[in-house]
C-alpha cells in the first residue's frame, strides 16, 4: 500500500496510489492524522483506508510532473506543529559510506573513527531478536520545517560550502499517548548534506547535516526492508550526468532495523506522545564520493524498487552572500 499527501484547491488531502490514478481518501488531511486514528480505533490501516476511499481520483502523472493544480507534499509530516517532527538518521550503515568517510579523513592504511564505528556495527549491530546490539552513529538534521516534497528545490544556504544528495530510505514513526513508537511505513529520501564542509574535519559532520532534505513522493506501508535495489542519478540540462546502482536494506547493512530503531527510541525525549519522527537509514553511494560537483539547477533523482515513483529535487544555489547574524540582548 502506498500513500501520498497533496495540497490543492480544496486544501490538503491524502490519496491512495492506484497507478495510474490517485484515489482520494475522505476525512483526513494528513498521514499523521490518519495513523493516529488507526492507533486509537485499533483498526488496521488497510481496513480504515478502505472504509474512507472516495470516488474522486486524480491523474497521477499530471500531479507527478507538476502539471496539475494539486501539488505533492512530503510523504509524511506533522501539519499542525512542524516543530514536533524530529528529522534524524543513522550513519555508517553501508560499506560504501564508511569508505567515503575513510577517504575524506584518513589515508587508505589508516583506521579512522568512522571505519572503526562501521566495524562495530558489522561485529555487533545485528544482535539476536530481542537483544540490544552495538550503538550506531546517530545524527540530527532538524525539525519538520526542513522537509521538502517531490519536485521542490533543495537549497544550498549562504553559509554552506556545498550541497549534495544522499539517497536513502527513511522510516516514518509516530508516538502514541502512552509514549510507544509506531512505524507507519517507509519512504524514499534524499538526506541532502554539505560534504565539502564535512570533509574539512569529521567533527563538522553534525553541522553538515543541518540542511533541508526531501522525502516521498510515496509513503510505503507493509513493505519489507531486507534487500532493496535502487538507483541514484544526477540530471543536468535534461541529460543524465551521473548514475549509479545502489542497494539498501537489512541484509546489506551493518545494523538491523530493530537495533537502529532501539537506539533511536531508547532516549526518553524521543518518545513524547504526539510527536512524529522521520529517520534516515543511511546511503550506499552518492555523487560527491565520485568527484561530481553539483551545479544550480541539477536534478537529484532517487529510486528504490517497490517504493513507488522516483523522488526528484532540483538543487538551488542562490549564491547570496553570507551575513553575520546578530543577537540582541534584552535590557535589564
C-alpha atoms as a PDB file:
ATOM      1  CA  UNK A   1       0.000   0.000   0.000  1.00  0.00           C
ATOM      2  CA  UNK A   2       1.313   3.443  -0.969  1.00  0.00           C
ATOM      3  CA  UNK A   3       0.001   6.843   0.094  1.00  0.00           C
ATOM      4  CA  UNK A   4       0.731  10.406  -0.984  1.00  0.00           C
ATOM      5  CA  UNK A   5      -0.022  13.763   0.593  1.00  0.00           C
ATOM      6  CA  UNK A   6      -1.346  16.529  -1.634  1.00  0.00           C
ATOM      7  CA  UNK A   7      -2.104  20.220  -1.482  1.00  0.00           C
ATOM      8  CA  UNK A   8      -4.679  21.609  -3.872  1.00  0.00           C
ATOM      9  CA  UNK A   9      -7.609  23.977  -4.375  1.00  0.00           C
ATOM     10  CA  UNK A  10      -9.572  22.347  -1.564  1.00  0.00           C
ATOM     11  CA  UNK A  11      -6.629  22.196   0.828  1.00  0.00           C
ATOM     12  CA  UNK A  12      -4.589  19.227   1.948  1.00  0.00           C
ATOM     13  CA  UNK A  13      -5.619  15.664   1.080  1.00  0.00           C
ATOM     14  CA  UNK A  14      -4.306  12.114   1.444  1.00  0.00           C
ATOM     15  CA  UNK A  15      -4.589   9.748  -1.517  1.00  0.00           C
ATOM     16  CA  UNK A  16      -4.037   6.051  -2.198  1.00  0.00           C
ATOM     17  CA  UNK A  17      -1.780   5.227  -5.149  1.00  0.00           C
ATOM     18  CA  UNK A  18      -3.674   3.123  -7.695  1.00  0.00           C
ATOM     19  CA  UNK A  19      -1.445   3.554 -10.740  1.00  0.00           C
ATOM     20  CA  UNK A  20      -2.014   5.448 -12.940  1.00  0.00           C
ATOM     21  CA  UNK A  21      -4.504   7.226 -10.650  1.00  0.00           C
ATOM     22  CA  UNK A  22      -4.540   8.675  -7.148  1.00  0.00           C
ATOM     23  CA  UNK A  23      -7.713   7.832  -5.215  1.00  0.00           C
ATOM     24  CA  UNK A  24      -8.558  10.474  -2.608  1.00  0.00           C
ATOM     25  CA  UNK A  25      -9.292   9.439   0.981  1.00  0.00           C
ATOM     26  CA  UNK A  26     -12.116  11.275   2.733  1.00  0.00           C
ATOM     27  CA  UNK A  27     -11.904  12.815   6.168  1.00  0.00           C
ATOM     28  CA  UNK A  28      -8.120  13.228   6.532  1.00  0.00           C
ATOM     29  CA  UNK A  29      -5.720  15.949   5.509  1.00  0.00           C
ATOM     30  CA  UNK A  30      -2.540  14.167   6.626  1.00  0.00           C
ATOM     31  CA  UNK A  31      -0.972  10.747   7.103  1.00  0.00           C
ATOM     32  CA  UNK A  32      -0.280  11.811  10.683  1.00  0.00           C
ATOM     33  CA  UNK A  33      -3.998  12.186  11.493  1.00  0.00           C
ATOM     34  CA  UNK A  34      -4.867   9.001   9.617  1.00  0.00           C
ATOM     35  CA  UNK A  35      -2.302   6.937  11.530  1.00  0.00           C
ATOM     36  CA  UNK A  36      -3.331   8.376  14.884  1.00  0.00           C
ATOM     37  CA  UNK A  37      -6.955   7.491  14.211  1.00  0.00           C
ATOM     38  CA  UNK A  38      -5.971   3.920  13.330  1.00  0.00           C
ATOM     39  CA  UNK A  39      -3.982   3.522  16.560  1.00  0.00           C
ATOM     40  CA  UNK A  40      -6.793   4.906  18.723  1.00  0.00           C
ATOM     41  CA  UNK A  41      -9.506   2.834  16.998  1.00  0.00           C
ATOM     42  CA  UNK A  42      -7.422  -0.344  16.862  1.00  0.00           C
ATOM     43  CA  UNK A  43      -8.195  -0.831  13.163  1.00  0.00           C
ATOM     44  CA  UNK A  44      -5.718  -1.946  10.535  1.00  0.00           C
ATOM     45  CA  UNK A  45      -4.664   0.833   8.200  1.00  0.00           C
ATOM     46  CA  UNK A  46      -5.818  -1.120   5.135  1.00  0.00           C
ATOM     47  CA  UNK A  47      -9.295  -1.591   6.621  1.00  0.00           C
ATOM     48  CA  UNK A  48      -9.533   2.011   7.708  1.00  0.00           C
ATOM     49  CA  UNK A  49      -8.467   3.363   4.321  1.00  0.00           C
ATOM     50  CA  UNK A  50     -10.849   1.014   2.518  1.00  0.00           C
ATOM     51  CA  UNK A  51     -13.717   2.464   4.532  1.00  0.00           C
ATOM     52  CA  UNK A  52     -12.736   6.042   3.629  1.00  0.00           C
ATOM     53  CA  UNK A  53     -11.867   5.771  -0.067  1.00  0.00           C
ATOM     54  CA  UNK A  54     -13.819   8.260  -2.167  1.00  0.00           C
ATOM     55  CA  UNK A  55     -14.912   8.042  -5.779  1.00  0.00           C
ATOM     56  CA  UNK A  56     -12.732  11.040  -6.622  1.00  0.00           C
ATOM     57  CA  UNK A  57      -9.381  10.437  -8.233  1.00  0.00           C
ATOM     58  CA  UNK A  58      -6.567  12.296  -9.980  1.00  0.00           C
ATOM     59  CA  UNK A  59      -4.223  11.591 -12.866  1.00  0.00           C
ATOM     60  CA  UNK A  60      -1.014  10.687 -11.030  1.00  0.00           C
ATOM     61  CA  UNK A  61       1.252  11.509 -13.975  1.00  0.00           C
ATOM     62  CA  UNK A  62      -0.105  15.056 -14.206  1.00  0.00           C
ATOM     63  CA  UNK A  63       0.421  15.580 -10.476  1.00  0.00           C
ATOM     64  CA  UNK A  64       3.874  13.968 -10.530  1.00  0.00           C
ATOM     65  CA  UNK A  65       5.053  16.128 -13.438  1.00  0.00           C
ATOM     66  CA  UNK A  66       3.767  19.319 -11.816  1.00  0.00           C
ATOM     67  CA  UNK A  67       1.078  19.872 -14.431  1.00  0.00           C
ATOM     68  CA  UNK A  68      -1.876  19.681 -12.020  1.00  0.00           C
ATOM     69  CA  UNK A  69      -3.450  22.122  -9.610  1.00  0.00           C
ATOM     70  CA  UNK A  70      -2.568  19.536  -6.935  1.00  0.00           C
ATOM     71  CA  UNK A  71       0.998  19.504  -5.601  1.00  0.00           C
ATOM     72  CA  UNK A  72       2.813  16.600  -3.964  1.00  0.00           C
ATOM     73  CA  UNK A  73       3.848  17.297  -0.374  1.00  0.00           C
ATOM     74  CA  UNK A  74       6.438  15.398   1.677  1.00  0.00           C
ATOM     75  CA  UNK A  75       5.040  11.878   2.102  1.00  0.00           C
ATOM     76  CA  UNK A  76       4.718  12.454   5.872  1.00  0.00           C
ATOM     77  CA  UNK A  77       4.814  15.472   8.162  1.00  0.00           C
ATOM     78  CA  UNK A  78       3.320  16.954  11.333  1.00  0.00           C
ATOM     79  CA  UNK A  79       0.987  19.517   9.736  1.00  0.00           C
ATOM     80  CA  UNK A  80      -0.286  21.120  12.934  1.00  0.00           C
ATOM     81  CA  UNK A  81       3.104  21.530  14.633  1.00  0.00           C
ATOM     82  CA  UNK A  82       6.077  21.002  12.286  1.00  0.00           C
ATOM     83  CA  UNK A  83       8.485  21.508  15.198  1.00  0.00           C
ATOM     84  CA  UNK A  84       7.145  18.256  16.689  1.00  0.00           C
ATOM     85  CA  UNK A  85       8.518  16.245  13.783  1.00  0.00           C
ATOM     86  CA  UNK A  86      12.111  15.183  14.513  1.00  0.00           C
ATOM     87  CA  UNK A  87      14.253  14.508  11.425  1.00  0.00           C
ATOM     88  CA  UNK A  88      17.267  12.297  12.203  1.00  0.00           C
ATOM     89  CA  UNK A  89      19.356   9.454  10.847  1.00  0.00           C
ATOM     90  CA  UNK A  90      21.709   6.558  11.432  1.00  0.00           C
ATOM     91  CA  UNK A  91      25.005   6.792   9.546  1.00  0.00           C
ATOM     92  CA  UNK A  92      27.836   4.411   8.638  1.00  0.00           C
ATOM     93  CA  UNK A  93      25.388   1.593   7.963  1.00  0.00           C
ATOM     94  CA  UNK A  94      26.718   0.752   4.479  1.00  0.00           C
ATOM     95  CA  UNK A  95      30.261  -0.185   3.495  1.00  0.00           C
ATOM     96  CA  UNK A  96      30.313   2.467   0.748  1.00  0.00           C
ATOM     97  CA  UNK A  97      29.507   5.270   3.195  1.00  0.00           C
ATOM     98  CA  UNK A  98      32.241   4.075   5.538  1.00  0.00           C
ATOM     99  CA  UNK A  99      34.751   4.007   2.673  1.00  0.00           C
ATOM    100  CA  UNK A 100      33.741   7.514   1.604  1.00  0.00           C
ATOM    101  CA  UNK A 101      34.293   8.795   5.139  1.00  0.00           C
ATOM    102  CA  UNK A 102      37.609   6.942   5.270  1.00  0.00           C
ATOM    103  CA  UNK A 103      38.695   8.678   2.066  1.00  0.00           C
ATOM    104  CA  UNK A 104      37.636  12.065   3.435  1.00  0.00           C
ATOM    105  CA  UNK A 105      39.528  11.890   6.714  1.00  0.00           C
ATOM    106  CA  UNK A 106      42.327   9.360   6.525  1.00  0.00           C
ATOM    107  CA  UNK A 107      44.879   7.567   4.424  1.00  0.00           C
ATOM    108  CA  UNK A 108      43.904   4.167   2.977  1.00  0.00           C
ATOM    109  CA  UNK A 109      46.031   2.399   5.567  1.00  0.00           C
ATOM    110  CA  UNK A 110      44.589   4.395   8.495  1.00  0.00           C
ATOM    111  CA  UNK A 111      41.737   3.140  10.640  1.00  0.00           C
ATOM    112  CA  UNK A 112      39.619   6.251  11.121  1.00  0.00           C
ATOM    113  CA  UNK A 113      36.967   6.628  13.792  1.00  0.00           C
ATOM    114  CA  UNK A 114      34.358   6.323  11.043  1.00  0.00           C
ATOM    115  CA  UNK A 115      35.664   2.972   9.824  1.00  0.00           C
ATOM    116  CA  UNK A 116      36.059   1.801  13.407  1.00  0.00           C
ATOM    117  CA  UNK A 117      32.392   2.616  14.109  1.00  0.00           C
ATOM    118  CA  UNK A 118      31.291   0.841  10.936  1.00  0.00           C
ATOM    119  CA  UNK A 119      33.164  -2.276  12.070  1.00  0.00           C
ATOM    120  CA  UNK A 120      31.463  -2.105  15.459  1.00  0.00           C
ATOM    121  CA  UNK A 121      28.208  -2.339  13.550  1.00  0.00           C
ATOM    122  CA  UNK A 122      29.396  -5.298  11.493  1.00  0.00           C
ATOM    123  CA  UNK A 123      30.505  -7.086  14.662  1.00  0.00           C
ATOM    124  CA  UNK A 124      27.614  -6.197  16.941  1.00  0.00           C
ATOM    125  CA  UNK A 125      24.890  -4.286  15.114  1.00  0.00           C
ATOM    126  CA  UNK A 126      22.751  -7.306  14.264  1.00  0.00           C
ATOM    127  CA  UNK A 127      22.011  -8.983  17.623  1.00  0.00           C
ATOM    128  CA  UNK A 128      19.589 -11.850  18.154  1.00  0.00           C
ATOM    129  CA  UNK A 129      15.905 -10.893  18.222  1.00  0.00           C
ATOM    130  CA  UNK A 130      15.026  -9.112  21.434  1.00  0.00           C
ATOM    131  CA  UNK A 131      18.672  -8.327  22.257  1.00  0.00           C
ATOM    132  CA  UNK A 132      20.416  -4.944  22.215  1.00  0.00           C
ATOM    133  CA  UNK A 133      23.359  -4.554  19.862  1.00  0.00           C
ATOM    134  CA  UNK A 134      26.125  -2.029  19.280  1.00  0.00           C
ATOM    135  CA  UNK A 135      25.104   1.611  19.164  1.00  0.00           C
ATOM    136  CA  UNK A 136      25.285   3.127  15.663  1.00  0.00           C
ATOM    137  CA  UNK A 137      26.219   6.645  14.668  1.00  0.00           C
ATOM    138  CA  UNK A 138      23.246   8.975  15.131  1.00  0.00           C
ATOM    139  CA  UNK A 139      22.730  12.440  13.670  1.00  0.00           C
ATOM    140  CA  UNK A 140      20.160  15.232  13.842  1.00  0.00           C
ATOM    141  CA  UNK A 141      19.003  17.133  10.768  1.00  0.00           C
ATOM    142  CA  UNK A 142      16.309  19.417  12.130  1.00  0.00           C
ATOM    143  CA  UNK A 143      12.579  19.569  12.721  1.00  0.00           C
ATOM    144  CA  UNK A 144       9.744  19.179  10.238  1.00  0.00           C
ATOM    145  CA  UNK A 145      10.257  22.631   8.729  1.00  0.00           C
ATOM    146  CA  UNK A 146      13.218  21.253   6.723  1.00  0.00           C
ATOM    147  CA  UNK A 147      11.172  18.561   4.919  1.00  0.00           C
ATOM    148  CA  UNK A 148      10.602  19.051   1.198  1.00  0.00           C
ATOM    149  CA  UNK A 149       8.478  17.049  -1.209  1.00  0.00           C
ATOM    150  CA  UNK A 150       8.946  15.693  -4.725  1.00  0.00           C
ATOM    151  CA  UNK A 151       9.832  18.459  -7.189  1.00  0.00           C
ATOM    152  CA  UNK A 152      10.686  21.036  -4.538  1.00  0.00           C
ATOM    153  CA  UNK A 153      14.183  22.545  -4.680  1.00  0.00           C
ATOM    154  CA  UNK A 154      16.813  21.724  -2.069  1.00  0.00           C
ATOM    155  CA  UNK A 155      18.696  24.916  -1.297  1.00  0.00           C
ATOM    156  CA  UNK A 156      22.378  25.396  -0.565  1.00  0.00           C
ATOM    157  CA  UNK A 157      22.326  28.123   2.133  1.00  0.00           C
ATOM    158  CA  UNK A 158      24.664  31.109   2.049  1.00  0.00           C
ATOM    159  CA  UNK A 159      26.873  29.739   4.830  1.00  0.00           C
ATOM    160  CA  UNK A 160      27.296  26.300   3.208  1.00  0.00           C
ATOM    161  CA  UNK A 161      30.250  25.147   1.145  1.00  0.00           C
ATOM    162  CA  UNK A 162      28.362  22.589  -0.916  1.00  0.00           C
ATOM    163  CA  UNK A 163      25.166  20.594  -1.231  1.00  0.00           C
ATOM    164  CA  UNK A 164      24.804  17.030  -2.390  1.00  0.00           C
ATOM    165  CA  UNK A 165      22.375  14.135  -2.468  1.00  0.00           C
ATOM    166  CA  UNK A 166      22.366  11.146  -0.133  1.00  0.00           C
ATOM    167  CA  UNK A 167      19.949   8.506  -1.478  1.00  0.00           C
ATOM    168  CA  UNK A 168      18.326   6.646   1.388  1.00  0.00           C
ATOM    169  CA  UNK A 169      15.166   5.078   2.715  1.00  0.00           C
ATOM    170  CA  UNK A 170      13.651   6.625   5.830  1.00  0.00           C
ATOM    171  CA  UNK A 171      11.252   5.229   8.395  1.00  0.00           C
ATOM    172  CA  UNK A 172       8.246   7.292   9.482  1.00  0.00           C
ATOM    173  CA  UNK A 173       7.011   6.952  13.077  1.00  0.00           C
ATOM    174  CA  UNK A 174       4.523   8.458  15.485  1.00  0.00           C
ATOM    175  CA  UNK A 175       4.399   8.246  19.274  1.00  0.00           C
ATOM    176  CA  UNK A 176       1.101   7.258  20.865  1.00  0.00           C
ATOM    177  CA  UNK A 177      -0.445   8.660  24.055  1.00  0.00           C
ATOM    178  CA  UNK A 178       1.402   6.070  26.163  1.00  0.00           C
ATOM    179  CA  UNK A 179       4.795   7.003  24.717  1.00  0.00           C
ATOM    180  CA  UNK A 180       5.077   3.948  22.446  1.00  0.00           C
ATOM    181  CA  UNK A 181       6.615   4.387  18.969  1.00  0.00           C
ATOM    182  CA  UNK A 182       4.688   3.053  15.964  1.00  0.00           C
ATOM    183  CA  UNK A 183       6.194   2.757  12.499  1.00  0.00           C
ATOM    184  CA  UNK A 184       3.753   3.883   9.829  1.00  0.00           C
ATOM    185  CA  UNK A 185       5.926   2.954   6.874  1.00  0.00           C
ATOM    186  CA  UNK A 186       8.972   3.700   4.743  1.00  0.00           C
ATOM    187  CA  UNK A 187       9.678   6.388   2.185  1.00  0.00           C
ATOM    188  CA  UNK A 188      12.353   7.230  -0.365  1.00  0.00           C
ATOM    189  CA  UNK A 189      14.572  10.052   0.857  1.00  0.00           C
ATOM    190  CA  UNK A 190      17.316  12.446  -0.173  1.00  0.00           C
ATOM    191  CA  UNK A 191      19.231  13.225   3.018  1.00  0.00           C
ATOM    192  CA  UNK A 192      20.823  16.324   1.482  1.00  0.00           C
ATOM    193  CA  UNK A 193      24.149  17.268   3.162  1.00  0.00           C
ATOM    194  CA  UNK A 194      27.205  19.535   2.891  1.00  0.00           C
ATOM    195  CA  UNK A 195      30.027  17.114   2.102  1.00  0.00           C
ATOM    196  CA  UNK A 196      32.669  19.763   1.447  1.00  0.00           C
ATOM    197  CA  UNK A 197      32.212  21.140   4.943  1.00  0.00           C
ATOM    198  CA  UNK A 198      32.262  17.646   6.429  1.00  0.00           C
ATOM    199  CA  UNK A 199      35.471  16.823   4.559  1.00  0.00           C
ATOM    200  CA  UNK A 200      37.372  19.617   6.340  1.00  0.00           C
ATOM    201  CA  UNK A 201      37.125  17.756   9.647  1.00  0.00           C
ATOM    202  CA  UNK A 202      34.909  14.888  10.752  1.00  0.00           C
ATOM    203  CA  UNK A 203      33.870  16.970  13.781  1.00  0.00           C
ATOM    204  CA  UNK A 204      31.987  19.181  11.318  1.00  0.00           C
ATOM    205  CA  UNK A 205      29.690  16.251  10.495  1.00  0.00           C
ATOM    206  CA  UNK A 206      26.943  17.411  12.875  1.00  0.00           C
ATOM    207  CA  UNK A 207      26.733  20.873  11.317  1.00  0.00           C
ATOM    208  CA  UNK A 208      26.978  19.497   7.768  1.00  0.00           C
ATOM    209  CA  UNK A 209      23.723  17.613   8.356  1.00  0.00           C
ATOM    210  CA  UNK A 210      21.682  20.700   9.333  1.00  0.00           C
ATOM    211  CA  UNK A 211      20.174  21.155   5.893  1.00  0.00           C
ATOM    212  CA  UNK A 212      16.900  20.707   4.058  1.00  0.00           C
ATOM    213  CA  UNK A 213      16.026  17.195   2.904  1.00  0.00           C
ATOM    214  CA  UNK A 214      13.347  15.551   0.792  1.00  0.00           C
ATOM    215  CA  UNK A 215      11.102  12.531   1.254  1.00  0.00           C
ATOM    216  CA  UNK A 216       8.497  10.944  -0.973  1.00  0.00           C
ATOM    217  CA  UNK A 217       6.675  11.101  -3.184  1.00  0.00           C
ATOM    218  CA  UNK A 218       5.074   7.998  -1.629  1.00  0.00           C
ATOM    219  CA  UNK A 219       4.819   6.513   1.854  1.00  0.00           C
ATOM    220  CA  UNK A 220       5.034   2.729   1.552  1.00  0.00           C
ATOM    221  CA  UNK A 221       3.132   0.676   4.138  1.00  0.00           C
ATOM    222  CA  UNK A 222       3.636  -3.040   4.695  1.00  0.00           C
ATOM    223  CA  UNK A 223       6.776  -3.335   2.550  1.00  0.00           C
ATOM    224  CA  UNK A 224       9.759  -5.397   3.702  1.00  0.00           C
ATOM    225  CA  UNK A 225      13.187  -3.831   4.242  1.00  0.00           C
ATOM    226  CA  UNK A 226      15.527  -6.723   3.556  1.00  0.00           C
ATOM    227  CA  UNK A 227      17.378  -6.094   0.294  1.00  0.00           C
ATOM    228  CA  UNK A 228      16.214  -3.132  -1.766  1.00  0.00           C
ATOM    229  CA  UNK A 229      17.928  -2.297  -5.078  1.00  0.00           C
ATOM    230  CA  UNK A 230      17.760   1.202  -6.442  1.00  0.00           C
ATOM    231  CA  UNK A 231      19.459   3.890  -8.461  1.00  0.00           C
ATOM    232  CA  UNK A 232      20.666   7.430  -7.843  1.00  0.00           C
ATOM    233  CA  UNK A 233      21.124   9.842 -10.751  1.00  0.00           C
ATOM    234  CA  UNK A 234      22.146  13.436 -11.393  1.00  0.00           C
ATOM    235  CA  UNK A 235      20.474  15.109 -14.360  1.00  0.00           C
ATOM    236  CA  UNK A 236      21.916  18.278 -15.893  1.00  0.00           C
ATOM    237  CA  UNK A 237      20.046  20.178 -18.597  1.00  0.00           C
ATOM    238  CA  UNK A 238      17.755  17.173 -19.092  1.00  0.00           C
ATOM    239  CA  UNK A 239      20.519  14.614 -19.602  1.00  0.00           C
ATOM    240  CA  UNK A 240      21.998  12.091 -17.184  1.00  0.00           C
ATOM    241  CA  UNK A 241      25.323  13.440 -15.882  1.00  0.00           C
ATOM    242  CA  UNK A 242      25.994  10.598 -13.447  1.00  0.00           C
ATOM    243  CA  UNK A 243      24.129   7.498 -12.318  1.00  0.00           C
ATOM    244  CA  UNK A 244      24.833   4.519 -10.113  1.00  0.00           C
ATOM    245  CA  UNK A 245      23.039   1.424  -8.902  1.00  0.00           C
ATOM    246  CA  UNK A 246      22.605   1.243  -5.147  1.00  0.00           C
ATOM    247  CA  UNK A 247      21.239  -1.218  -2.610  1.00  0.00           C
ATOM    248  CA  UNK A 248      19.942  -0.834   0.920  1.00  0.00           C
ATOM    249  CA  UNK A 249      18.032  -2.954   3.418  1.00  0.00           C
ATOM    250  CA  UNK A 250      18.897  -5.064   6.447  1.00  0.00           C
ATOM    251  CA  UNK A 251      20.772  -7.772   4.544  1.00  0.00           C
ATOM    252  CA  UNK A 252      23.363  -5.289   3.238  1.00  0.00           C
ATOM    253  CA  UNK A 253      23.629  -3.065   6.323  1.00  0.00           C
ATOM    254  CA  UNK A 254      25.821  -3.265   9.404  1.00  0.00           C
ATOM    255  CA  UNK A 255      22.832  -2.790  11.739  1.00  0.00           C
ATOM    256  CA  UNK A 256      19.446  -4.464  11.857  1.00  0.00           C
ATOM    257  CA  UNK A 257      16.314  -2.352  11.640  1.00  0.00           C
ATOM    258  CA  UNK A 258      15.347  -3.396  15.167  1.00  0.00           C
ATOM    259  CA  UNK A 259      18.721  -2.277  16.517  1.00  0.00           C
ATOM    260  CA  UNK A 260      18.605   1.098  14.750  1.00  0.00           C
ATOM    261  CA  UNK A 261      15.085   1.709  15.998  1.00  0.00           C
ATOM    262  CA  UNK A 262      16.012   0.777  19.574  1.00  0.00           C
ATOM    263  CA  UNK A 263      18.983   3.121  19.662  1.00  0.00           C
ATOM    264  CA  UNK A 264      16.839   5.988  18.420  1.00  0.00           C
ATOM    265  CA  UNK A 265      13.839   5.461  20.654  1.00  0.00           C
ATOM    266  CA  UNK A 266      15.766   4.457  23.786  1.00  0.00           C
ATOM    267  CA  UNK A 267      16.019   8.172  24.561  1.00  0.00           C
ATOM    268  CA  UNK A 268      13.016   9.300  26.607  1.00  0.00           C
ATOM    269  CA  UNK A 269      12.934  12.589  24.703  1.00  0.00           C
ATOM    270  CA  UNK A 270      12.245  10.618  21.517  1.00  0.00           C
ATOM    271  CA  UNK A 271       9.097   9.060  22.972  1.00  0.00           C
ATOM    272  CA  UNK A 272       6.990  12.151  23.617  1.00  0.00           C
ATOM    273  CA  UNK A 273       3.293  11.461  22.947  1.00  0.00           C
ATOM    274  CA  UNK A 274       2.087  13.143  19.787  1.00  0.00           C
ATOM    275  CA  UNK A 275       5.489  13.514  18.111  1.00  0.00           C
ATOM    276  CA  UNK A 276       6.388  12.296  14.632  1.00  0.00           C
ATOM    277  CA  UNK A 277       9.835  11.013  13.586  1.00  0.00           C
ATOM    278  CA  UNK A 278      11.439  10.733  10.151  1.00  0.00           C
ATOM    279  CA  UNK A 279      14.614   8.658  10.492  1.00  0.00           C
ATOM    280  CA  UNK A 280      17.078   8.017   7.633  1.00  0.00           C
ATOM    281  CA  UNK A 281      18.837   4.635   7.478  1.00  0.00           C
ATOM    282  CA  UNK A 282      21.995   5.517   5.552  1.00  0.00           C
ATOM    283  CA  UNK A 283      23.295   5.777   1.996  1.00  0.00           C
ATOM    284  CA  UNK A 284      25.069   3.236  -0.201  1.00  0.00           C
ATOM    285  CA  UNK A 285      26.573   5.777  -2.629  1.00  0.00           C
ATOM    286  CA  UNK A 286      26.395   9.428  -3.618  1.00  0.00           C
ATOM    287  CA  UNK A 287      27.854  11.524  -6.425  1.00  0.00           C
ATOM    288  CA  UNK A 288      30.234  13.530  -4.205  1.00  0.00           C
ATOM    289  CA  UNK A 289      32.127  10.338  -3.415  1.00  0.00           C
ATOM    290  CA  UNK A 290      32.906  10.003  -7.134  1.00  0.00           C
ATOM    291  CA  UNK A 291      34.032  13.581  -7.652  1.00  0.00           C
ATOM    292  CA  UNK A 292      30.805  15.061  -9.046  1.00  0.00           C
ATOM    293  CA  UNK A 293      30.254  18.744  -8.215  1.00  0.00           C
ATOM    294  CA  UNK A 294      26.581  19.710  -8.394  1.00  0.00           C
ATOM    295  CA  UNK A 295      25.505  22.962 -10.002  1.00  0.00           C
ATOM    296  CA  UNK A 296      22.457  25.163  -9.683  1.00  0.00           C
ATOM    297  CA  UNK A 297      19.547  23.500 -11.491  1.00  0.00           C
ATOM    298  CA  UNK A 298      20.928  19.961 -11.399  1.00  0.00           C
ATOM    299  CA  UNK A 299      18.188  17.443 -10.593  1.00  0.00           C
ATOM    300  CA  UNK A 300      18.884  14.763  -7.974  1.00  0.00           C
ATOM    301  CA  UNK A 301      16.852  11.598  -8.551  1.00  0.00           C
ATOM    302  CA  UNK A 302      16.491   8.680  -6.125  1.00  0.00           C
ATOM    303  CA  UNK A 303      14.631   5.464  -6.908  1.00  0.00           C
ATOM    304  CA  UNK A 304      14.187   2.214  -4.959  1.00  0.00           C
ATOM    305  CA  UNK A 305      12.331  -0.806  -6.348  1.00  0.00           C
ATOM    306  CA  UNK A 306       8.980  -1.365  -4.669  1.00  0.00           C
ATOM    307  CA  UNK A 307       8.947   2.101  -3.099  1.00  0.00           C
ATOM    308  CA  UNK A 308       6.970   3.994  -5.691  1.00  0.00           C
ATOM    309  CA  UNK A 309       7.924   6.621  -8.206  1.00  0.00           C
ATOM    310  CA  UNK A 310      11.366   8.260  -8.100  1.00  0.00           C
ATOM    311  CA  UNK A 311      11.994  11.278  -5.894  1.00  0.00           C
ATOM    312  CA  UNK A 312      13.312  14.240  -7.883  1.00  0.00           C
ATOM    313  CA  UNK A 313      14.558  17.536  -6.495  1.00  0.00           C
ATOM    314  CA  UNK A 314      16.470  20.309  -8.252  1.00  0.00           C
ATOM    315  CA  UNK A 315      19.441  21.858  -6.481  1.00  0.00           C
ATOM    316  CA  UNK A 316      19.076  25.573  -5.823  1.00  0.00           C
ATOM    317  CA  UNK A 317      22.256  27.565  -5.263  1.00  0.00           C
ATOM    318  CA  UNK A 318      21.177  31.219  -4.901  1.00  0.00           C
ATOM    319  CA  UNK A 319      24.774  32.334  -4.391  1.00  0.00           C
ATOM    320  CA  UNK A 320      23.847  35.039  -1.892  1.00  0.00           C
ATOM    321  CA  UNK A 321      26.468  36.494   0.418  1.00  0.00           C
ATOM    322  CA  UNK A 322      26.639  35.154   3.956  1.00  0.00           C
ATOM    323  CA  UNK A 323      25.779  37.755   6.581  1.00  0.00           C
ATOM    324  CA  UNK A 324      26.572  37.986  10.262  1.00  0.00           C
ATOM    325  CA  UNK A 325      23.606  37.010  12.447  1.00  0.00           C
ATOM    326  CA  UNK A 326      23.417  39.469  15.297  1.00  0.00           C
ATOM    327  CA  UNK A 327      21.911  38.811  18.703  1.00  0.00           C
ATOM    328  CA  UNK A 328      20.003  41.489  20.596  1.00  0.00           C
ATOM    329  CA  UNK A 329      20.281  41.478  24.359  1.00  0.00           C
ATOM    330  CA  UNK A 330      17.187  42.162  26.450  1.00  0.00           C
ATOM    331  CA  UNK A 331      17.708  45.301  28.501  1.00  0.00           C
ATOM    332  CA  UNK A 332      17.808  44.997  32.270  1.00  0.00           C
END
